[in-house]
Amino acid sequence: MTLPAVVNLIFETLWWVILGRVLMSWFDPSGNYRISRILYDMSEPILAPARRILPTFGGVDWSPLVTMILLNLLQGFILSSL
């Protein structure tokens, strides 16, 4: 596997983990299911810094959306430089 493919795989995995966490928060807001806890544990180190910076608007946590956008931008920047 080439370096760009590995970098792409890492970013894509992070993106899907965050999306999975968002979806599971609708179906399992209390985090009772194991998959919810796994997705939380994998995504919280990425989302926590964004959550500290971004205020909540109307009770909505925008950190997953902003983080996913930043991940896509960073992915494009890194892959274009490889």
PDB file of N, CA and C in Angstrom:
ATOM      1  N   MET A   1       0.841  -1.170   0.000  1.00  0.00           N
ATOM      2  CA  MET A   1       0.000   0.000   0.000  1.00  0.00           C
ATOM      3  C   MET A   1       0.894   1.244   0.000  1.00  0.00           C
ATOM      4  N   THR A   2       0.579   2.173  -0.857  1.00  0.00           N
ATOM      5  CA  THR A   2       1.391   3.379  -0.968  1.00  0.00           C
ATOM      6  C   THR A   2       1.069   4.360   0.161  1.00  0.00           C
ATOM      7  N   LEU A   3       1.968   5.291   0.378  1.00  0.00           N
ATOM      8  CA  LEU A   3       1.776   6.284   1.433  1.00  0.00           C
ATOM      9  C   LEU A   3       0.501   7.110   1.223  1.00  0.00           C
ATOM     10  N   PRO A   4       0.232   7.609   0.008  1.00  0.00           N
ATOM     11  CA  PRO A   4      -1.027   8.349  -0.175  1.00  0.00           C
ATOM     12  C   PRO A   4      -2.264   7.496   0.121  1.00  0.00           C
ATOM     13  N   ALA A   5      -2.204   6.220  -0.208  1.00  0.00           N
ATOM     14  CA  ALA A   5      -3.343   5.341   0.073  1.00  0.00           C
ATOM     15  C   ALA A   5      -3.543   5.156   1.572  1.00  0.00           C
ATOM     16  N   VAL A   6      -2.453   5.048   2.321  1.00  0.00           N
ATOM     17  CA  VAL A   6      -2.543   4.902   3.781  1.00  0.00           C
ATOM     18  C   VAL A   6      -3.097   6.181   4.404  1.00  0.00           C
ATOM     19  N   VAL A   7      -2.587   7.327   3.966  1.00  0.00           N
ATOM     20  CA  VAL A   7      -3.069   8.609   4.482  1.00  0.00           C
ATOM     21  C   VAL A   7      -4.554   8.769   4.173  1.00  0.00           C
ATOM     22  N   ASN A   8      -4.943   8.435   2.965  1.00  0.00           N
ATOM     23  CA  ASN A   8      -6.344   8.519   2.569  1.00  0.00           C
ATOM     24  C   ASN A   8      -7.207   7.597   3.430  1.00  0.00           C
ATOM     25  N   LEU A   9      -6.739   6.392   3.676  1.00  0.00           N
ATOM     26  CA  LEU A   9      -7.476   5.437   4.502  1.00  0.00           C
ATOM     27  C   LEU A   9      -7.666   5.963   5.927  1.00  0.00           C
ATOM     28  N   ILE A  10      -6.650   6.570   6.482  1.00  0.00           N
ATOM     29  CA  ILE A  10      -6.744   7.126   7.840  1.00  0.00           C
ATOM     30  C   ILE A  10      -7.797   8.234   7.897  1.00  0.00           C
ATOM     31  N   PHE A  11      -7.737   9.159   6.951  1.00  0.00           N
ATOM     32  CA  PHE A  11      -8.700  10.257   6.952  1.00  0.00           C
ATOM     33  C   PHE A  11     -10.120   9.766   6.694  1.00  0.00           C
ATOM     34  N   GLU A  12     -10.280   8.840   5.773  1.00  0.00           N
ATOM     35  CA  GLU A  12     -11.611   8.301   5.491  1.00  0.00           C
ATOM     36  C   GLU A  12     -12.173   7.564   6.700  1.00  0.00           C
ATOM     37  N   THR A  13     -11.327   6.823   7.390  1.00  0.00           N
ATOM     38  CA  THR A  13     -11.772   6.105   8.589  1.00  0.00           C
ATOM     39  C   THR A  13     -12.221   7.081   9.661  1.00  0.00           C
ATOM     40  N   LEU A  14     -11.453   8.136   9.890  1.00  0.00           N
ATOM     41  CA  LEU A  14     -11.839   9.151  10.876  1.00  0.00           C
ATOM     42  C   LEU A  14     -13.170   9.801  10.507  1.00  0.00           C
ATOM     43  N   TRP A  15     -13.348  10.093   9.231  1.00  0.00           N
ATOM     44  CA  TRP A  15     -14.585  10.719   8.759  1.00  0.00           C
ATOM     45  C   TRP A  15     -15.781   9.819   9.048  1.00  0.00           C
ATOM     46  N   TRP A  16     -15.647   8.523   8.727  1.00  0.00           N
ATOM     47  CA  TRP A  16     -16.751   7.582   8.947  1.00  0.00           C
ATOM     48  C   TRP A  16     -17.005   7.332  10.426  1.00  0.00           C
ATOM     49  N   VAL A  17     -15.964   7.343  11.237  1.00  0.00           N
ATOM     50  CA  VAL A  17     -16.138   7.180  12.689  1.00  0.00           C
ATOM     51  C   VAL A  17     -16.956   8.346  13.250  1.00  0.00           C
ATOM     52  N   ILE A  18     -16.643   9.553  12.826  1.00  0.00           N
ATOM     53  CA  ILE A  18     -17.389  10.721  13.305  1.00  0.00           C
ATOM     54  C   ILE A  18     -18.838  10.659  12.823  1.00  0.00           C
ATOM     55  N   LEU A  19     -19.043  10.309  11.568  1.00  0.00           N
ATOM     56  CA  LEU A  19     -20.408  10.185  11.051  1.00  0.00           C
ATOM     57  C   LEU A  19     -21.174   9.103  11.809  1.00  0.00           C
ATOM     58  N   GLY A  20     -20.523   7.985  12.082  1.00  0.00           N
ATOM     59  CA  GLY A  20     -21.163   6.921  12.850  1.00  0.00           C
ATOM     60  C   GLY A  20     -21.547   7.389  14.237  1.00  0.00           C
ATOM     61  N   ARG A  21     -20.685   8.164  14.844  1.00  0.00           N
ATOM     62  CA  ARG A  21     -20.995   8.689  16.184  1.00  0.00           C
ATOM     63  C   ARG A  21     -22.207   9.603  16.137  1.00  0.00           C
ATOM     64  N   VAL A  22     -22.266  10.462  15.136  1.00  0.00           N
ATOM     65  CA  VAL A  22     -23.407  11.367  15.006  1.00  0.00           C
ATOM     66  C   VAL A  22     -24.697  10.570  14.834  1.00  0.00           C
ATOM     67  N   LEU A  23     -24.676   9.585  13.960  1.00  0.00           N
ATOM     68  CA  LEU A  23     -25.874   8.773  13.731  1.00  0.00           C
ATOM     69  C   LEU A  23     -26.271   7.997  14.976  1.00  0.00           C
ATOM     70  N   MET A  24     -25.298   7.426  15.659  1.00  0.00           N
ATOM     71  CA  MET A  24     -25.609   6.664  16.873  1.00  0.00           C
ATOM     72  C   MET A  24     -26.127   7.573  17.982  1.00  0.00           C
ATOM     73  N   SER A  25     -25.747   8.842  17.979  1.00  0.00           N
ATOM     74  CA  SER A  25     -26.254   9.753  19.011  1.00  0.00           C
ATOM     75  C   SER A  25     -27.756   9.984  18.850  1.00  0.00           C
ATOM     76  N   TRP A  26     -28.278   9.777  17.652  1.00  0.00           N
ATOM     77  CA  TRP A  26     -29.718   9.898  17.445  1.00  0.00           C
ATOM     78  C   TRP A  26     -30.455   8.659  17.943  1.00  0.00           C
ATOM     79  N   PHE A  27     -29.849   7.483  17.748  1.00  0.00           N
ATOM     80  CA  PHE A  27     -30.514   6.226  18.093  1.00  0.00           C
ATOM     81  C   PHE A  27     -30.185   5.749  19.503  1.00  0.00           C
ATOM     82  N   ASP A  28     -29.041   6.131  20.010  1.00  0.00           N
ATOM     83  CA  ASP A  28     -28.597   5.689  21.333  1.00  0.00           C
ATOM     84  C   ASP A  28     -27.939   6.857  22.067  1.00  0.00           C
ATOM     85  N   PRO A  29     -28.737   7.877  22.432  1.00  0.00           N
ATOM     86  CA  PRO A  29     -28.137   9.067  23.045  1.00  0.00           C
ATOM     87  C   PRO A  29     -27.463   8.807  24.390  1.00  0.00           C
ATOM     88  N   SER A  30     -27.875   7.772  25.089  1.00  0.00           N
ATOM     89  CA  SER A  30     -27.260   7.500  26.396  1.00  0.00           C
ATOM     90  C   SER A  30     -26.009   6.640  26.283  1.00  0.00           C
ATOM     91  N   GLY A  31     -25.707   6.121  25.093  1.00  0.00           N
ATOM     92  CA  GLY A  31     -24.489   5.340  24.889  1.00  0.00           C
ATOM     93  C   GLY A  31     -24.528   3.955  25.499  1.00  0.00           C
ATOM     94  N   ASN A  32     -25.688   3.309  25.454  1.00  0.00           N
ATOM     95  CA  ASN A  32     -25.823   1.974  26.036  1.00  0.00           C
ATOM     96  C   ASN A  32     -25.208   0.877  25.178  1.00  0.00           C
ATOM     97  N   TYR A  33     -25.219   1.053  23.867  1.00  0.00           N
ATOM     98  CA  TYR A  33     -24.693   0.018  22.982  1.00  0.00           C
ATOM     99  C   TYR A  33     -23.177   0.096  22.912  1.00  0.00           C
ATOM    100  N   ARG A  34     -22.574  -1.052  22.747  1.00  0.00           N
ATOM    101  CA  ARG A  34     -21.111  -1.111  22.710  1.00  0.00           C
ATOM    102  C   ARG A  34     -20.544  -0.306  21.540  1.00  0.00           C
ATOM    103  N   ILE A  35     -21.200  -0.395  20.385  1.00  0.00           N
ATOM    104  CA  ILE A  35     -20.700   0.333  19.212  1.00  0.00           C
ATOM    105  C   ILE A  35     -20.718   1.843  19.473  1.00  0.00           C
ATOM    106  N   SER A  36     -21.702   2.309  20.230  1.00  0.00           N
ATOM    107  CA  SER A  36     -21.747   3.737  20.578  1.00  0.00           C
ATOM    108  C   SER A  36     -20.539   4.132  21.406  1.00  0.00           C
ATOM    109  N   ARG A  37     -20.192   3.295  22.363  1.00  0.00           N
ATOM    110  CA  ARG A  37     -19.031   3.595  23.217  1.00  0.00           C
ATOM    111  C   ARG A  37     -17.734   3.541  22.417  1.00  0.00           C
ATOM    112  N   ILE A  38     -17.628   2.579  21.500  1.00  0.00           N
ATOM    113  CA  ILE A  38     -16.426   2.466  20.670  1.00  0.00           C
ATOM    114  C   ILE A  38     -16.270   3.709  19.794  1.00  0.00           C
ATOM    115  N   LEU A  39     -17.359   4.112  19.137  1.00  0.00           N
ATOM    116  CA  LEU A  39     -17.306   5.299  18.285  1.00  0.00           C
ATOM    117  C   LEU A  39     -17.009   6.553  19.100  1.00  0.00           C
ATOM    118  N   TYR A  40     -17.561   6.630  20.300  1.00  0.00           N
ATOM    119  CA  TYR A  40     -17.285   7.768  21.181  1.00  0.00           C
ATOM    120  C   TYR A  40     -15.806   7.807  21.549  1.00  0.00           C
ATOM    121  N   ASP A  41     -15.274   6.664  21.967  1.00  0.00           N
ATOM    122  CA  ASP A  41     -13.864   6.606  22.376  1.00  0.00           C
ATOM    123  C   ASP A  41     -12.917   6.925  21.226  1.00  0.00           C
ATOM    124  N   MET A  42     -13.292   6.539  20.008  1.00  0.00           N
ATOM    125  CA  MET A  42     -12.429   6.802  18.856  1.00  0.00           C
ATOM    126  C   MET A  42     -12.513   8.254  18.390  1.00  0.00           C
ATOM    127  N   SER A  43     -13.669   8.869  18.529  1.00  0.00           N
ATOM    128  CA  SER A  43     -13.855  10.208  17.967  1.00  0.00           C
ATOM    129  C   SER A  43     -13.667  11.344  18.970  1.00  0.00           C
ATOM    130  N   GLU A  44     -13.790  11.065  20.244  1.00  0.00           N
ATOM    131  CA  GLU A  44     -13.714  12.143  21.240  1.00  0.00           C
ATOM    132  C   GLU A  44     -12.375  12.889  21.225  1.00  0.00           C
ATOM    133  N   PRO A  45     -11.219  12.209  21.067  1.00  0.00           N
ATOM    134  CA  PRO A  45      -9.963  12.976  21.013  1.00  0.00           C
ATOM    135  C   PRO A  45      -9.902  13.953  19.839  1.00  0.00           C
ATOM    136  N   ILE A  46     -10.650  13.684  18.786  1.00  0.00           N
ATOM    137  CA  ILE A  46     -10.665  14.561  17.622  1.00  0.00           C
ATOM    138  C   ILE A  46     -11.688  15.679  17.806  1.00  0.00           C
ATOM    139  N   LEU A  47     -12.833  15.346  18.394  1.00  0.00           N
ATOM    140  CA  LEU A  47     -13.912  16.316  18.529  1.00  0.00           C
ATOM    141  C   LEU A  47     -13.750  17.257  19.721  1.00  0.00           C
ATOM    142  N   ALA A  48     -13.082  16.816  20.763  1.00  0.00           N
ATOM    143  CA  ALA A  48     -12.972  17.624  21.987  1.00  0.00           C
ATOM    144  C   ALA A  48     -12.339  18.998  21.749  1.00  0.00           C
ATOM    145  N   PRO A  49     -11.234  19.102  20.999  1.00  0.00           N
ATOM    146  CA  PRO A  49     -10.667  20.447  20.766  1.00  0.00           C
ATOM    147  C   PRO A  49     -11.630  21.368  20.017  1.00  0.00           C
ATOM    148  N   ALA A  50     -12.340  20.821  19.032  1.00  0.00           N
ATOM    149  CA  ALA A  50     -13.302  21.641  18.286  1.00  0.00           C
ATOM    150  C   ALA A  50     -14.456  22.060  19.187  1.00  0.00           C
ATOM    151  N   ARG A  51     -14.890  21.181  20.064  1.00  0.00           N
ATOM    152  CA  ARG A  51     -15.992  21.489  20.970  1.00  0.00           C
ATOM    153  C   ARG A  51     -15.609  22.591  21.958  1.00  0.00           C
ATOM    154  N   ARG A  52     -14.346  22.620  22.370  1.00  0.00           N
ATOM    155  CA  ARG A  52     -13.890  23.676  23.282  1.00  0.00           C
ATOM    156  C   ARG A  52     -13.894  25.041  22.601  1.00  0.00           C
ATOM    157  N   ILE A  53     -13.613  25.064  21.309  1.00  0.00           N
ATOM    158  CA  ILE A  53     -13.514  26.326  20.571  1.00  0.00           C
ATOM    159  C   ILE A  53     -14.883  26.818  20.113  1.00  0.00           C
ATOM    160  N   LEU A  54     -15.709  25.906  19.627  1.00  0.00           N
ATOM    161  CA  LEU A  54     -16.992  26.286  19.040  1.00  0.00           C
ATOM    162  C   LEU A  54     -18.082  26.392  20.099  1.00  0.00           C
ATOM    163  N   PRO A  55     -18.841  27.470  20.065  1.00  0.00           N
ATOM    164  CA  PRO A  55     -19.997  27.537  20.962  1.00  0.00           C
ATOM    165  C   PRO A  55     -21.150  26.713  20.385  1.00  0.00           C
ATOM    166  N   THR A  56     -22.068  26.304  21.226  1.00  0.00           N
ATOM    167  CA  THR A  56     -23.259  25.609  20.728  1.00  0.00           C
ATOM    168  C   THR A  56     -24.299  26.656  20.357  1.00  0.00           C
ATOM    169  N   PHE A  57     -24.938  26.446  19.236  1.00  0.00           N
ATOM    170  CA  PHE A  57     -25.983  27.345  18.765  1.00  0.00           C
ATOM    171  C   PHE A  57     -27.310  26.609  18.824  1.00  0.00           C
ATOM    172  N   GLY A  58     -28.201  27.087  19.646  1.00  0.00           N
ATOM    173  CA  GLY A  58     -29.513  26.464  19.747  1.00  0.00           C
ATOM    174  C   GLY A  58     -29.458  25.045  20.274  1.00  0.00           C
ATOM    175  N   GLY A  59     -28.473  24.742  21.098  1.00  0.00           N
ATOM    176  CA  GLY A  59     -28.352  23.399  21.655  1.00  0.00           C
ATOM    177  C   GLY A  59     -27.761  22.380  20.705  1.00  0.00           C
ATOM    178  N   VAL A  60     -27.262  22.823  19.560  1.00  0.00           N
ATOM    179  CA  VAL A  60     -26.690  21.913  18.563  1.00  0.00           C
ATOM    180  C   VAL A  60     -25.170  21.954  18.666  1.00  0.00           C
ATOM    181  N   ASP A  61     -24.567  20.780  18.739  1.00  0.00           N
ATOM    182  CA  ASP A  61     -23.109  20.656  18.771  1.00  0.00           C
ATOM    183  C   ASP A  61     -22.602  20.611  17.331  1.00  0.00           C
ATOM    184  N   TRP A  62     -21.939  21.666  16.917  1.00  0.00           N
ATOM    185  CA  TRP A  62     -21.460  21.769  15.539  1.00  0.00           C
ATOM    186  C   TRP A  62     -20.063  21.185  15.353  1.00  0.00           C
ATOM    187  N   SER A  63     -19.448  20.708  16.418  1.00  0.00           N
ATOM    188  CA  SER A  63     -18.074  20.216  16.312  1.00  0.00           C
ATOM    189  C   SER A  63     -17.915  19.039  15.343  1.00  0.00           C
ATOM    190  N   PRO A  64     -18.859  18.090  15.237  1.00  0.00           N
ATOM    191  CA  PRO A  64     -18.658  17.025  14.248  1.00  0.00           C
ATOM    192  C   PRO A  64     -18.628  17.550  12.811  1.00  0.00           C
ATOM    193  N   LEU A  65     -19.543  18.461  12.485  1.00  0.00           N
ATOM    194  CA  LEU A  65     -19.582  19.002  11.126  1.00  0.00           C
ATOM    195  C   LEU A  65     -18.310  19.777  10.806  1.00  0.00           C
ATOM    196  N   VAL A  66     -17.902  20.649  11.709  1.00  0.00           N
ATOM    197  CA  VAL A  66     -16.694  21.449  11.486  1.00  0.00           C
ATOM    198  C   VAL A  66     -15.467  20.546  11.403  1.00  0.00           C
ATOM    199  N   THR A  67     -15.395  19.543  12.267  1.00  0.00           N
ATOM    200  CA  THR A  67     -14.256  18.626  12.251  1.00  0.00           C
ATOM    201  C   THR A  67     -14.210  17.832  10.957  1.00  0.00           C
ATOM    202  N   MET A  68     -15.365  17.387  10.468  1.00  0.00           N
ATOM    203  CA  MET A  68     -15.391  16.632   9.214  1.00  0.00           C
ATOM    204  C   MET A  68     -14.944  17.504   8.042  1.00  0.00           C
ATOM    205  N   ILE A  69     -15.362  18.748   8.031  1.00  0.00           N
ATOM    206  CA  ILE A  69     -14.930  19.667   6.971  1.00  0.00           C
ATOM    207  C   ILE A  69     -13.423  19.900   7.053  1.00  0.00           C
ATOM    208  N   LEU A  70     -12.921  20.137   8.257  1.00  0.00           N
ATOM    209  CA  LEU A  70     -11.478  20.346   8.425  1.00  0.00           C
ATOM    210  C   LEU A  70     -10.676  19.102   8.055  1.00  0.00           C
ATOM    211  N   LEU A  71     -11.197  17.922   8.386  1.00  0.00           N
ATOM    212  CA  LEU A  71     -10.518  16.681   7.991  1.00  0.00           C
ATOM    213  C   LEU A  71     -10.431  16.566   6.476  1.00  0.00           C
ATOM    214  N   ASN A  72     -11.520  16.914   5.772  1.00  0.00           N
ATOM    215  CA  ASN A  72     -11.496  16.855   4.309  1.00  0.00           C
ATOM    216  C   ASN A  72     -10.505  17.851   3.724  1.00  0.00           C
ATOM    217  N   LEU A  73     -10.455  19.050   4.284  1.00  0.00           N
ATOM    218  CA  LEU A  73      -9.494  20.049   3.800  1.00  0.00           C
ATOM    219  C   LEU A  73      -8.059  19.606   4.058  1.00  0.00           C
ATOM    220  N   LEU A  74      -7.810  19.102   5.252  1.00  0.00           N
ATOM    221  CA  LEU A  74      -6.470  18.629   5.598  1.00  0.00           C
ATOM    222  C   LEU A  74      -6.069  17.430   4.743  1.00  0.00           C
ATOM    223  N   GLN A  75      -7.011  16.551   4.495  1.00  0.00           N
ATOM    224  CA  GLN A  75      -6.752  15.389   3.647  1.00  0.00           C
ATOM    225  C   GLN A  75      -6.347  15.836   2.242  1.00  0.00           C
ATOM    226  N   GLY A  76      -7.091  16.763   1.676  1.00  0.00           N
ATOM    227  CA  GLY A  76      -6.759  17.262   0.342  1.00  0.00           C
ATOM    228  C   GLY A  76      -5.405  17.940   0.303  1.00  0.00           C
ATOM    229  N   PHE A  77      -5.100  18.727   1.321  1.00  0.00           N
ATOM    230  CA  PHE A  77      -3.812  19.415   1.383  1.00  0.00           C
ATOM    231  C   PHE A  77      -2.664  18.416   1.484  1.00  0.00           C
ATOM    232  N   ILE A  78      -2.791  17.439   2.365  1.00  0.00           N
ATOM    233  CA  ILE A  78      -1.715  16.457   2.552  1.00  0.00           C
ATOM    234  C   ILE A  78      -1.553  15.588   1.314  1.00  0.00           C
ATOM    235  N   LEU A  79      -2.662  15.127   0.754  1.00  0.00           N
ATOM    236  CA  LEU A  79      -2.558  14.256  -0.418  1.00  0.00           C
ATOM    237  C   LEU A  79      -2.017  14.996  -1.636  1.00  0.00           C
ATOM    238  N   SER A  80      -2.319  16.284  -1.753  1.00  0.00           N
ATOM    239  CA  SER A  80      -1.793  17.031  -2.899  1.00  0.00           C
ATOM    240  C   SER A  80      -0.293  17.278  -2.771  1.00  0.00           C
ATOM    241  N   SER A  81       0.220  17.236  -1.545  1.00  0.00           N
ATOM    242  CA  SER A  81       1.651  17.469  -1.358  1.00  0.00           C
ATOM    243  C   SER A  81       2.470  16.177  -1.399  1.00  0.00           C
ATOM    244  N   LEU A  82       1.809  15.032  -1.439  1.00  0.00           N
ATOM    245  CA  LEU A  82       2.558  13.760  -1.496  1.00  0.00           C
ATOM    246  C   LEU A  82       2.885  13.379  -2.918  1.00  0.00           C
TER     247      LEU A  82
END
